Amino acid sequence: MRKRTKHIVLIIFLMLIVSVTYIFVTEFSPQRPIIISKTLPHPEKPGFNIFNFKTFAIELPVGWKDRGCLLDASGGDGELFLSEKVLYYGFGAGSFNKSEAKSLYKYLYDARNDEMIMGDTVIVGSTDTTISVSFIWPIDPESSDTLETGLYCDSLKKIHPPPNQLYKNCNYYSLTEYNDSTYFIPIEVPEIVINSKTADSIYDDYQYNIVRPKNIGNGITFVIVTREPYSSFSIWGYDLDFETQEELIKAGLSVTFDEIDLTFKKGKN
């Protein structure tokens, strides 16, 4: 009898462990299982398939395969591939930052308006024993003017040294006039912005930011798709030949969003 009781207790204990594990995995797991797309022939474009991931749908030429999309609470990412050619995609958290989809001119213009201006200090108040100073921040684009931009080379660093360690990696500058004063503003520009060319497009409430490398086959190509109130979607690939690059861009321009509930409920997709 005691032996039988021990077996029953052991079985109940194991069932309890399984139940707790199931509840944790299904209700509290930070990631969902990999979601494989439902692939259907495109009804209007021969030679193309529609990959539907519930959250979004994308069009790609016949022959491209889906390695699955791993979704979590804020988005997900996955891979599409054809032999050695791989396109990566992300929805929500997996998406690119829009600041990386700017032209060099636009990046410098926005940065000099947003960055702390480490130029002349401005006295904002003083007494016999103290002087309160402040840096101008931010510059008002409506009342300022960019006089010049360029590479922040070693010769300029001798004349205008970086204000502190935070600016040691700055590689460009903006010479900006504001309130009858001229400010030399060091700016760190990402390599992706320097080595890319950009284009923007809006269609049916969708906004597309397209980035190509200046030299085909050497760099990253990506498309960011946004539409309120959805999370943004990105698709990208590295060192693509011209044909694959154009396939990626066409795929990005084909993305549509579907509104679904991303709340985790007992492991359901």
C-alpha atoms as a PDB file:
ATOM      1  CA  MET A   1       0.000   0.000   0.000  1.00  0.00           C
ATOM      2  CA  ARG A   2       2.804   2.391   0.912  1.00  0.00           C
ATOM      3  CA  LYS A   3       4.582   1.604  -2.341  1.00  0.00           C
ATOM      4  CA  ARG A   4       1.428   2.347  -4.306  1.00  0.00           C
ATOM      5  CA  THR A   5       0.963   5.606  -2.397  1.00  0.00           C
ATOM      6  CA  LYS A   6       4.515   6.643  -3.230  1.00  0.00           C
ATOM      7  CA  HIS A   7       3.863   5.959  -6.918  1.00  0.00           C
ATOM      8  CA  ILE A   8       0.682   8.049  -6.835  1.00  0.00           C
ATOM      9  CA  VAL A   9       2.490  10.936  -5.108  1.00  0.00           C
ATOM     10  CA  LEU A  10       5.312  10.743  -7.669  1.00  0.00           C
ATOM     11  CA  ILE A  11       2.838  10.777 -10.557  1.00  0.00           C
ATOM     12  CA  ILE A  12       0.995  13.785  -9.084  1.00  0.00           C
ATOM     13  CA  PHE A  13       4.324  15.582  -8.574  1.00  0.00           C
ATOM     14  CA  LEU A  14       5.381  14.964 -12.180  1.00  0.00           C
ATOM     15  CA  MET A  15       1.986  16.099 -13.459  1.00  0.00           C
ATOM     16  CA  LEU A  16       2.342  19.287 -11.398  1.00  0.00           C
ATOM     17  CA  ILE A  17       5.773  20.003 -12.922  1.00  0.00           C
ATOM     18  CA  VAL A  18       4.407  19.453 -16.441  1.00  0.00           C
ATOM     19  CA  SER A  19       1.412  21.724 -15.744  1.00  0.00           C
ATOM     20  CA  VAL A  20       3.536  24.548 -14.330  1.00  0.00           C
ATOM     21  CA  THR A  21       5.976  24.288 -17.241  1.00  0.00           C
ATOM     22  CA  TYR A  22       3.117  24.396 -19.742  1.00  0.00           C
ATOM     23  CA  ILE A  23       1.569  27.443 -18.114  1.00  0.00           C
ATOM     24  CA  PHE A  24       4.922  29.250 -18.017  1.00  0.00           C
ATOM     25  CA  VAL A  25       5.793  28.448 -21.622  1.00  0.00           C
ATOM     26  CA  THR A  26       2.375  29.280 -23.035  1.00  0.00           C
ATOM     27  CA  GLU A  27       1.434  32.276 -20.930  1.00  0.00           C
ATOM     28  CA  PHE A  28       4.737  33.902 -19.978  1.00  0.00           C
ATOM     29  CA  SER A  29       7.275  32.851 -22.602  1.00  0.00           C
ATOM     30  CA  PRO A  30       8.875  35.957 -24.138  1.00  0.00           C
ATOM     31  CA  GLN A  31       8.796  34.432 -27.635  1.00  0.00           C
ATOM     32  CA  ARG A  32       6.333  32.562 -29.778  1.00  0.00           C
ATOM     33  CA  PRO A  33       7.179  29.482 -31.808  1.00  0.00           C
ATOM     34  CA  ILE A  34       8.540  30.080 -35.294  1.00  0.00           C
ATOM     35  CA  ILE A  35       5.684  31.039 -37.598  1.00  0.00           C
ATOM     36  CA  ILE A  36       5.994  29.632 -41.112  1.00  0.00           C
ATOM     37  CA  SER A  37       4.303  31.640 -43.819  1.00  0.00           C
ATOM     38  CA  LYS A  38       1.356  30.431 -45.836  1.00  0.00           C
ATOM     39  CA  THR A  39       2.635  30.657 -49.408  1.00  0.00           C
ATOM     40  CA  LEU A  40       0.146  31.157 -52.230  1.00  0.00           C
ATOM     41  CA  PRO A  41       0.592  31.856 -55.958  1.00  0.00           C
ATOM     42  CA  HIS A  42       0.006  35.519 -56.706  1.00  0.00           C
ATOM     43  CA  PRO A  43      -3.380  35.805 -58.480  1.00  0.00           C
ATOM     44  CA  GLU A  44      -2.272  38.724 -60.681  1.00  0.00           C
ATOM     45  CA  LYS A  45       1.515  38.309 -61.057  1.00  0.00           C
ATOM     46  CA  PRO A  46       2.671  35.085 -62.740  1.00  0.00           C
ATOM     47  CA  GLY A  47       5.992  33.939 -61.333  1.00  0.00           C
ATOM     48  CA  PHE A  48       5.362  35.463 -57.899  1.00  0.00           C
ATOM     49  CA  ASN A  49       4.179  34.037 -54.583  1.00  0.00           C
ATOM     50  CA  ILE A  50       2.538  35.781 -51.634  1.00  0.00           C
ATOM     51  CA  PHE A  51       4.073  34.952 -48.241  1.00  0.00           C
ATOM     52  CA  ASN A  52       1.455  35.593 -45.551  1.00  0.00           C
ATOM     53  CA  PHE A  53       2.667  35.754 -41.911  1.00  0.00           C
ATOM     54  CA  LYS A  54      -0.669  36.938 -40.429  1.00  0.00           C
ATOM     55  CA  THR A  55       0.949  40.142 -39.181  1.00  0.00           C
ATOM     56  CA  PHE A  56       2.221  41.066 -42.630  1.00  0.00           C
ATOM     57  CA  ALA A  57       2.299  39.742 -46.186  1.00  0.00           C
ATOM     58  CA  ILE A  58       5.082  40.054 -48.753  1.00  0.00           C
ATOM     59  CA  GLU A  59       5.515  39.165 -52.442  1.00  0.00           C
ATOM     60  CA  LEU A  60       8.599  37.360 -53.788  1.00  0.00           C
ATOM     61  CA  PRO A  61       9.507  35.534 -57.002  1.00  0.00           C
ATOM     62  CA  VAL A  62       8.770  31.818 -57.230  1.00  0.00           C
ATOM     63  CA  GLY A  63      11.716  29.856 -55.850  1.00  0.00           C
ATOM     64  CA  TRP A  64      12.277  31.931 -52.720  1.00  0.00           C
ATOM     65  CA  LYS A  65      11.839  29.918 -49.521  1.00  0.00           C
ATOM     66  CA  ASP A  66      10.839  30.929 -45.983  1.00  0.00           C
ATOM     67  CA  ARG A  67      12.907  29.915 -42.965  1.00  0.00           C
ATOM     68  CA  GLY A  68      10.254  31.133 -40.547  1.00  0.00           C
ATOM     69  CA  CYS A  69       9.492  34.247 -38.522  1.00  0.00           C
ATOM     70  CA  LEU A  70      10.066  34.220 -34.749  1.00  0.00           C
ATOM     71  CA  LEU A  71       7.648  36.704 -33.164  1.00  0.00           C
ATOM     72  CA  ASP A  72       7.804  38.109 -29.642  1.00  0.00           C
ATOM     73  CA  ALA A  73       5.857  40.812 -27.807  1.00  0.00           C
ATOM     74  CA  SER A  74       7.417  43.663 -29.792  1.00  0.00           C
ATOM     75  CA  GLY A  75       8.011  42.086 -33.170  1.00  0.00           C
ATOM     76  CA  GLY A  76      10.191  39.463 -34.780  1.00  0.00           C
ATOM     77  CA  ASP A  77      12.625  38.585 -37.534  1.00  0.00           C
ATOM     78  CA  GLY A  78      13.358  35.808 -39.985  1.00  0.00           C
ATOM     79  CA  GLU A  79      14.982  34.816 -43.265  1.00  0.00           C
ATOM     80  CA  LEU A  80      13.941  34.307 -46.875  1.00  0.00           C
ATOM     81  CA  PHE A  81      16.443  32.625 -49.165  1.00  0.00           C
ATOM     82  CA  LEU A  82      17.173  31.347 -52.665  1.00  0.00           C
ATOM     83  CA  SER A  83      20.320  29.180 -52.841  1.00  0.00           C
ATOM     84  CA  GLU A  84      23.085  31.481 -51.580  1.00  0.00           C
ATOM     85  CA  LYS A  85      20.996  34.673 -51.673  1.00  0.00           C
ATOM     86  CA  VAL A  86      19.448  35.567 -48.304  1.00  0.00           C
ATOM     87  CA  LEU A  87      17.028  38.370 -47.466  1.00  0.00           C
ATOM     88  CA  TYR A  88      16.443  39.122 -43.798  1.00  0.00           C
ATOM     89  CA  TYR A  89      13.280  40.725 -42.511  1.00  0.00           C
ATOM     90  CA  GLY A  90      12.024  42.150 -39.249  1.00  0.00           C
ATOM     91  CA  PHE A  91       8.695  43.383 -37.920  1.00  0.00           C
ATOM     92  CA  GLY A  92       8.551  45.788 -34.964  1.00  0.00           C
ATOM     93  CA  ALA A  93      11.700  45.382 -32.876  1.00  0.00           C
ATOM     94  CA  GLY A  94      13.496  43.758 -35.788  1.00  0.00           C
ATOM     95  CA  SER A  95      13.158  46.861 -37.938  1.00  0.00           C
ATOM     96  CA  PHE A  96      15.837  49.341 -38.883  1.00  0.00           C
ATOM     97  CA  ASN A  97      16.103  52.762 -37.313  1.00  0.00           C
ATOM     98  CA  LYS A  98      14.748  55.405 -39.674  1.00  0.00           C
ATOM     99  CA  SER A  99      17.780  57.596 -38.992  1.00  0.00           C
ATOM    100  CA  GLU A 100      19.763  55.052 -41.043  1.00  0.00           C
ATOM    101  CA  ALA A 101      17.541  55.715 -44.060  1.00  0.00           C
ATOM    102  CA  LYS A 102      18.539  59.359 -44.469  1.00  0.00           C
ATOM    103  CA  SER A 103      20.770  60.999 -47.030  1.00  0.00           C
ATOM    104  CA  LEU A 104      24.053  62.396 -45.727  1.00  0.00           C
ATOM    105  CA  TYR A 105      22.761  65.960 -46.136  1.00  0.00           C
ATOM    106  CA  LYS A 106      19.521  65.198 -44.235  1.00  0.00           C
ATOM    107  CA  TYR A 107      21.383  63.330 -41.494  1.00  0.00           C
ATOM    108  CA  LEU A 108      23.753  66.266 -40.914  1.00  0.00           C
ATOM    109  CA  TYR A 109      20.875  68.765 -40.966  1.00  0.00           C
ATOM    110  CA  ASP A 110      18.836  66.807 -38.422  1.00  0.00           C
ATOM    111  CA  ALA A 111      21.847  66.081 -36.218  1.00  0.00           C
ATOM    112  CA  ARG A 112      22.905  69.703 -35.896  1.00  0.00           C
ATOM    113  CA  ASN A 113      19.369  70.531 -34.766  1.00  0.00           C
ATOM    114  CA  ASP A 114      19.228  67.708 -32.238  1.00  0.00           C
ATOM    115  CA  GLU A 115      22.726  67.494 -30.808  1.00  0.00           C
ATOM    116  CA  MET A 116      23.991  69.492 -27.828  1.00  0.00           C
ATOM    117  CA  ILE A 117      25.827  72.479 -29.269  1.00  0.00           C
ATOM    118  CA  MET A 118      29.295  72.519 -27.738  1.00  0.00           C
ATOM    119  CA  GLY A 119      30.192  76.007 -28.918  1.00  0.00           C
ATOM    120  CA  ASP A 120      30.369  79.233 -26.941  1.00  0.00           C
ATOM    121  CA  THR A 121      28.662  79.137 -23.560  1.00  0.00           C
ATOM    122  CA  VAL A 122      25.786  81.493 -22.969  1.00  0.00           C
ATOM    123  CA  ILE A 123      25.492  83.223 -19.602  1.00  0.00           C
ATOM    124  CA  VAL A 124      21.944  82.798 -18.350  1.00  0.00           C
ATOM    125  CA  GLY A 125      22.360  84.387 -14.911  1.00  0.00           C
ATOM    126  CA  SER A 126      25.046  85.632 -12.533  1.00  0.00           C
ATOM    127  CA  THR A 127      25.669  86.952  -9.052  1.00  0.00           C
ATOM    128  CA  ASP A 128      28.790  88.233  -7.286  1.00  0.00           C
ATOM    129  CA  THR A 129      29.891  84.675  -6.509  1.00  0.00           C
ATOM    130  CA  THR A 130      28.347  82.427  -9.160  1.00  0.00           C
ATOM    131  CA  ILE A 131      27.838  82.362 -12.898  1.00  0.00           C
ATOM    132  CA  SER A 132      25.230  80.059 -14.421  1.00  0.00           C
ATOM    133  CA  VAL A 133      25.975  78.969 -17.961  1.00  0.00           C
ATOM    134  CA  SER A 134      24.145  76.855 -20.478  1.00  0.00           C
ATOM    135  CA  PHE A 135      24.731  75.436 -23.922  1.00  0.00           C
ATOM    136  CA  ILE A 136      22.283  76.264 -26.686  1.00  0.00           C
ATOM    137  CA  TRP A 137      20.064  73.234 -27.225  1.00  0.00           C
ATOM    138  CA  PRO A 138      18.534  72.583 -29.573  1.00  0.00           C
ATOM    139  CA  ILE A 139      19.123  74.962 -32.479  1.00  0.00           C
ATOM    140  CA  ASP A 140      15.870  76.179 -33.972  1.00  0.00           C
ATOM    141  CA  PRO A 141      15.973  75.170 -37.656  1.00  0.00           C
ATOM    142  CA  GLU A 142      13.681  78.052 -38.574  1.00  0.00           C
ATOM    143  CA  SER A 143      16.112  80.698 -37.276  1.00  0.00           C
ATOM    144  CA  SER A 144      19.428  79.060 -38.188  1.00  0.00           C
ATOM    145  CA  ASP A 145      21.387  78.438 -41.347  1.00  0.00           C
ATOM    146  CA  THR A 146      23.894  75.762 -42.335  1.00  0.00           C
ATOM    147  CA  LEU A 147      26.893  77.586 -43.753  1.00  0.00           C
ATOM    148  CA  GLU A 148      29.025  74.542 -44.479  1.00  0.00           C
ATOM    149  CA  THR A 149      29.339  70.799 -43.864  1.00  0.00           C
ATOM    150  CA  GLY A 150      32.242  68.461 -44.464  1.00  0.00           C
ATOM    151  CA  LEU A 151      34.645  65.852 -43.159  1.00  0.00           C
ATOM    152  CA  TYR A 152      35.940  66.398 -39.633  1.00  0.00           C
ATOM    153  CA  CYS A 153      39.575  65.774 -40.582  1.00  0.00           C
ATOM    154  CA  ASP A 154      42.675  65.868 -38.387  1.00  0.00           C
ATOM    155  CA  SER A 155      43.584  69.420 -39.395  1.00  0.00           C
ATOM    156  CA  LEU A 156      40.154  70.661 -38.312  1.00  0.00           C
ATOM    157  CA  LYS A 157      40.397  68.721 -35.037  1.00  0.00           C
ATOM    158  CA  LYS A 158      43.473  70.803 -34.185  1.00  0.00           C
ATOM    159  CA  ILE A 159      41.469  73.995 -34.693  1.00  0.00           C
ATOM    160  CA  HIS A 160      38.190  72.661 -33.272  1.00  0.00           C
ATOM    161  CA  PRO A 161      39.101  69.778 -30.930  1.00  0.00           C
ATOM    162  CA  PRO A 162      36.306  67.415 -29.806  1.00  0.00           C
ATOM    163  CA  PRO A 163      34.614  68.966 -26.726  1.00  0.00           C
ATOM    164  CA  ASN A 164      34.819  65.693 -24.771  1.00  0.00           C
ATOM    165  CA  GLN A 165      35.174  61.911 -25.144  1.00  0.00           C
ATOM    166  CA  LEU A 166      31.606  61.568 -26.387  1.00  0.00           C
ATOM    167  CA  TYR A 167      32.661  63.350 -29.576  1.00  0.00           C
ATOM    168  CA  LYS A 168      35.920  61.479 -30.235  1.00  0.00           C
ATOM    169  CA  ASN A 169      34.363  59.409 -33.056  1.00  0.00           C
ATOM    170  CA  CYS A 170      32.827  62.353 -34.905  1.00  0.00           C
ATOM    171  CA  ASN A 171      33.693  62.237 -38.595  1.00  0.00           C
ATOM    172  CA  TYR A 172      31.673  65.154 -40.035  1.00  0.00           C
ATOM    173  CA  TYR A 173      30.853  68.689 -38.972  1.00  0.00           C
ATOM    174  CA  SER A 174      28.251  71.368 -39.549  1.00  0.00           C
ATOM    175  CA  LEU A 175      29.135  75.068 -39.468  1.00  0.00           C
ATOM    176  CA  THR A 176      25.875  76.660 -38.387  1.00  0.00           C
ATOM    177  CA  GLU A 177      24.840  80.266 -37.939  1.00  0.00           C
ATOM    178  CA  TYR A 178      22.364  80.947 -35.160  1.00  0.00           C
ATOM    179  CA  ASN A 179      21.398  84.253 -33.518  1.00  0.00           C
ATOM    180  CA  ASP A 180      24.315  86.113 -35.163  1.00  0.00           C
ATOM    181  CA  SER A 181      26.817  83.528 -33.857  1.00  0.00           C
ATOM    182  CA  THR A 182      28.585  80.736 -35.750  1.00  0.00           C
ATOM    183  CA  TYR A 183      28.870  77.265 -34.201  1.00  0.00           C
ATOM    184  CA  PHE A 184      31.174  74.434 -35.221  1.00  0.00           C
ATOM    185  CA  ILE A 185      29.253  71.227 -34.509  1.00  0.00           C
ATOM    186  CA  PRO A 186      31.055  67.836 -34.623  1.00  0.00           C
ATOM    187  CA  ILE A 187      28.718  65.043 -35.756  1.00  0.00           C
ATOM    188  CA  GLU A 188      29.183  61.266 -35.850  1.00  0.00           C
ATOM    189  CA  VAL A 189      27.678  59.867 -39.052  1.00  0.00           C
ATOM    190  CA  PRO A 190      27.188  56.058 -39.353  1.00  0.00           C
ATOM    191  CA  GLU A 191      29.021  54.293 -42.190  1.00  0.00           C
ATOM    192  CA  ILE A 192      25.697  53.064 -43.535  1.00  0.00           C
ATOM    193  CA  VAL A 193      24.632  56.669 -44.189  1.00  0.00           C
ATOM    194  CA  ILE A 194      27.966  57.644 -45.747  1.00  0.00           C
ATOM    195  CA  ASN A 195      28.065  54.686 -48.136  1.00  0.00           C
ATOM    196  CA  SER A 196      24.397  54.641 -49.204  1.00  0.00           C
ATOM    197  CA  LYS A 197      21.941  56.509 -51.368  1.00  0.00           C
ATOM    198  CA  THR A 198      18.302  56.893 -50.350  1.00  0.00           C
ATOM    199  CA  ALA A 199      14.830  57.354 -51.789  1.00  0.00           C
ATOM    200  CA  ASP A 200      11.441  57.865 -50.108  1.00  0.00           C
ATOM    201  CA  SER A 201       7.958  57.053 -51.359  1.00  0.00           C
ATOM    202  CA  ILE A 202       4.369  57.234 -50.059  1.00  0.00           C
ATOM    203  CA  TYR A 203       1.546  55.086 -51.451  1.00  0.00           C
ATOM    204  CA  ASP A 204      -1.880  54.271 -49.966  1.00  0.00           C
ATOM    205  CA  ASP A 205      -0.892  55.508 -46.482  1.00  0.00           C
ATOM    206  CA  TYR A 206       2.278  53.367 -46.595  1.00  0.00           C
ATOM    207  CA  GLN A 207       5.617  55.135 -46.280  1.00  0.00           C
ATOM    208  CA  TYR A 208       8.696  53.504 -47.818  1.00  0.00           C
ATOM    209  CA  ASN A 209      12.312  54.413 -47.059  1.00  0.00           C
ATOM    210  CA  ILE A 210      14.642  52.757 -49.582  1.00  0.00           C
ATOM    211  CA  VAL A 211      18.409  52.515 -49.102  1.00  0.00           C
ATOM    212  CA  ARG A 212      20.887  51.179 -51.687  1.00  0.00           C
ATOM    213  CA  PRO A 213      24.684  50.972 -51.408  1.00  0.00           C
ATOM    214  CA  LYS A 214      26.534  53.463 -53.607  1.00  0.00           C
ATOM    215  CA  ASN A 215      28.528  50.537 -54.992  1.00  0.00           C
ATOM    216  CA  ILE A 216      26.368  47.563 -56.042  1.00  0.00           C
ATOM    217  CA  GLY A 217      27.474  44.355 -54.356  1.00  0.00           C
ATOM    218  CA  ASN A 218      29.266  46.158 -51.542  1.00  0.00           C
ATOM    219  CA  GLY A 219      27.062  47.179 -48.642  1.00  0.00           C
ATOM    220  CA  ILE A 220      23.564  46.842 -47.283  1.00  0.00           C
ATOM    221  CA  THR A 221      20.277  47.277 -49.138  1.00  0.00           C
ATOM    222  CA  PHE A 222      17.095  47.717 -47.115  1.00  0.00           C
ATOM    223  CA  VAL A 223      13.528  48.965 -47.211  1.00  0.00           C
ATOM    224  CA  ILE A 224      11.614  50.300 -44.183  1.00  0.00           C
ATOM    225  CA  VAL A 225       7.813  50.173 -44.459  1.00  0.00           C
ATOM    226  CA  THR A 226       5.621  52.108 -42.025  1.00  0.00           C
ATOM    227  CA  ARG A 227       1.916  52.710 -41.724  1.00  0.00           C
ATOM    228  CA  GLU A 228       0.061  53.995 -38.701  1.00  0.00           C
ATOM    229  CA  PRO A 229      -0.857  52.467 -36.268  1.00  0.00           C
ATOM    230  CA  TYR A 230       1.234  49.352 -37.095  1.00  0.00           C
ATOM    231  CA  SER A 231       4.807  48.569 -36.152  1.00  0.00           C
ATOM    232  CA  SER A 232       7.332  49.190 -38.907  1.00  0.00           C
ATOM    233  CA  PHE A 233       8.636  46.429 -41.170  1.00  0.00           C
ATOM    234  CA  SER A 234      12.142  46.131 -42.648  1.00  0.00           C
ATOM    235  CA  ILE A 235      13.686  43.836 -45.216  1.00  0.00           C
ATOM    236  CA  TRP A 236      17.419  43.867 -45.919  1.00  0.00           C
ATOM    237  CA  GLY A 237      20.344  42.032 -47.483  1.00  0.00           C
ATOM    238  CA  TYR A 238      24.122  42.401 -47.647  1.00  0.00           C
ATOM    239  CA  ASP A 239      26.412  42.652 -50.686  1.00  0.00           C
ATOM    240  CA  LEU A 240      23.615  41.818 -53.122  1.00  0.00           C
ATOM    241  CA  ASP A 241      24.021  41.680 -56.882  1.00  0.00           C
ATOM    242  CA  PHE A 242      21.818  44.020 -58.913  1.00  0.00           C
ATOM    243  CA  GLU A 243      19.106  41.426 -59.635  1.00  0.00           C
ATOM    244  CA  THR A 244      18.707  40.366 -55.994  1.00  0.00           C
ATOM    245  CA  GLN A 245      18.852  43.974 -54.811  1.00  0.00           C
ATOM    246  CA  GLU A 246      15.932  44.898 -57.065  1.00  0.00           C
ATOM    247  CA  GLU A 247      14.017  41.787 -55.913  1.00  0.00           C
ATOM    248  CA  LEU A 248      14.491  42.910 -52.318  1.00  0.00           C
ATOM    249  CA  ILE A 249      13.270  46.440 -53.058  1.00  0.00           C
ATOM    250  CA  LYS A 250      10.215  45.156 -54.961  1.00  0.00           C
ATOM    251  CA  ALA A 251       9.448  42.803 -52.070  1.00  0.00           C
ATOM    252  CA  GLY A 252       9.655  45.668 -49.594  1.00  0.00           C
ATOM    253  CA  LEU A 253       7.324  47.783 -51.711  1.00  0.00           C
ATOM    254  CA  SER A 254       4.801  44.897 -51.746  1.00  0.00           C
ATOM    255  CA  VAL A 255       4.417  44.627 -47.946  1.00  0.00           C
ATOM    256  CA  THR A 256       0.941  44.965 -46.463  1.00  0.00           C
ATOM    257  CA  PHE A 257      -0.030  44.839 -42.789  1.00  0.00           C
ATOM    258  CA  ASP A 258      -2.844  42.903 -41.112  1.00  0.00           C
ATOM    259  CA  GLU A 259      -4.139  43.795 -37.668  1.00  0.00           C
ATOM    260  CA  ILE A 260      -3.826  40.828 -35.297  1.00  0.00           C
ATOM    261  CA  ASP A 261      -3.638  40.345 -31.550  1.00  0.00           C
ATOM    262  CA  LEU A 262      -0.008  39.709 -30.559  1.00  0.00           C
ATOM    263  CA  THR A 263      -0.923  38.892 -26.935  1.00  0.00           C
ATOM    264  CA  PHE A 264       0.347  35.463 -25.901  1.00  0.00           C
ATOM    265  CA  LYS A 265      -2.542  33.125 -25.187  1.00  0.00           C
ATOM    266  CA  LYS A 266      -1.688  29.494 -24.488  1.00  0.00           C
ATOM    267  CA  GLY A 267       0.844  29.244 -27.286  1.00  0.00           C
ATOM    268  CA  LYS A 268      -1.571  30.142 -30.059  1.00  0.00           C
ATOM    269  CA  ASN A 269      -0.098  31.898 -33.086  1.00  0.00           C
END
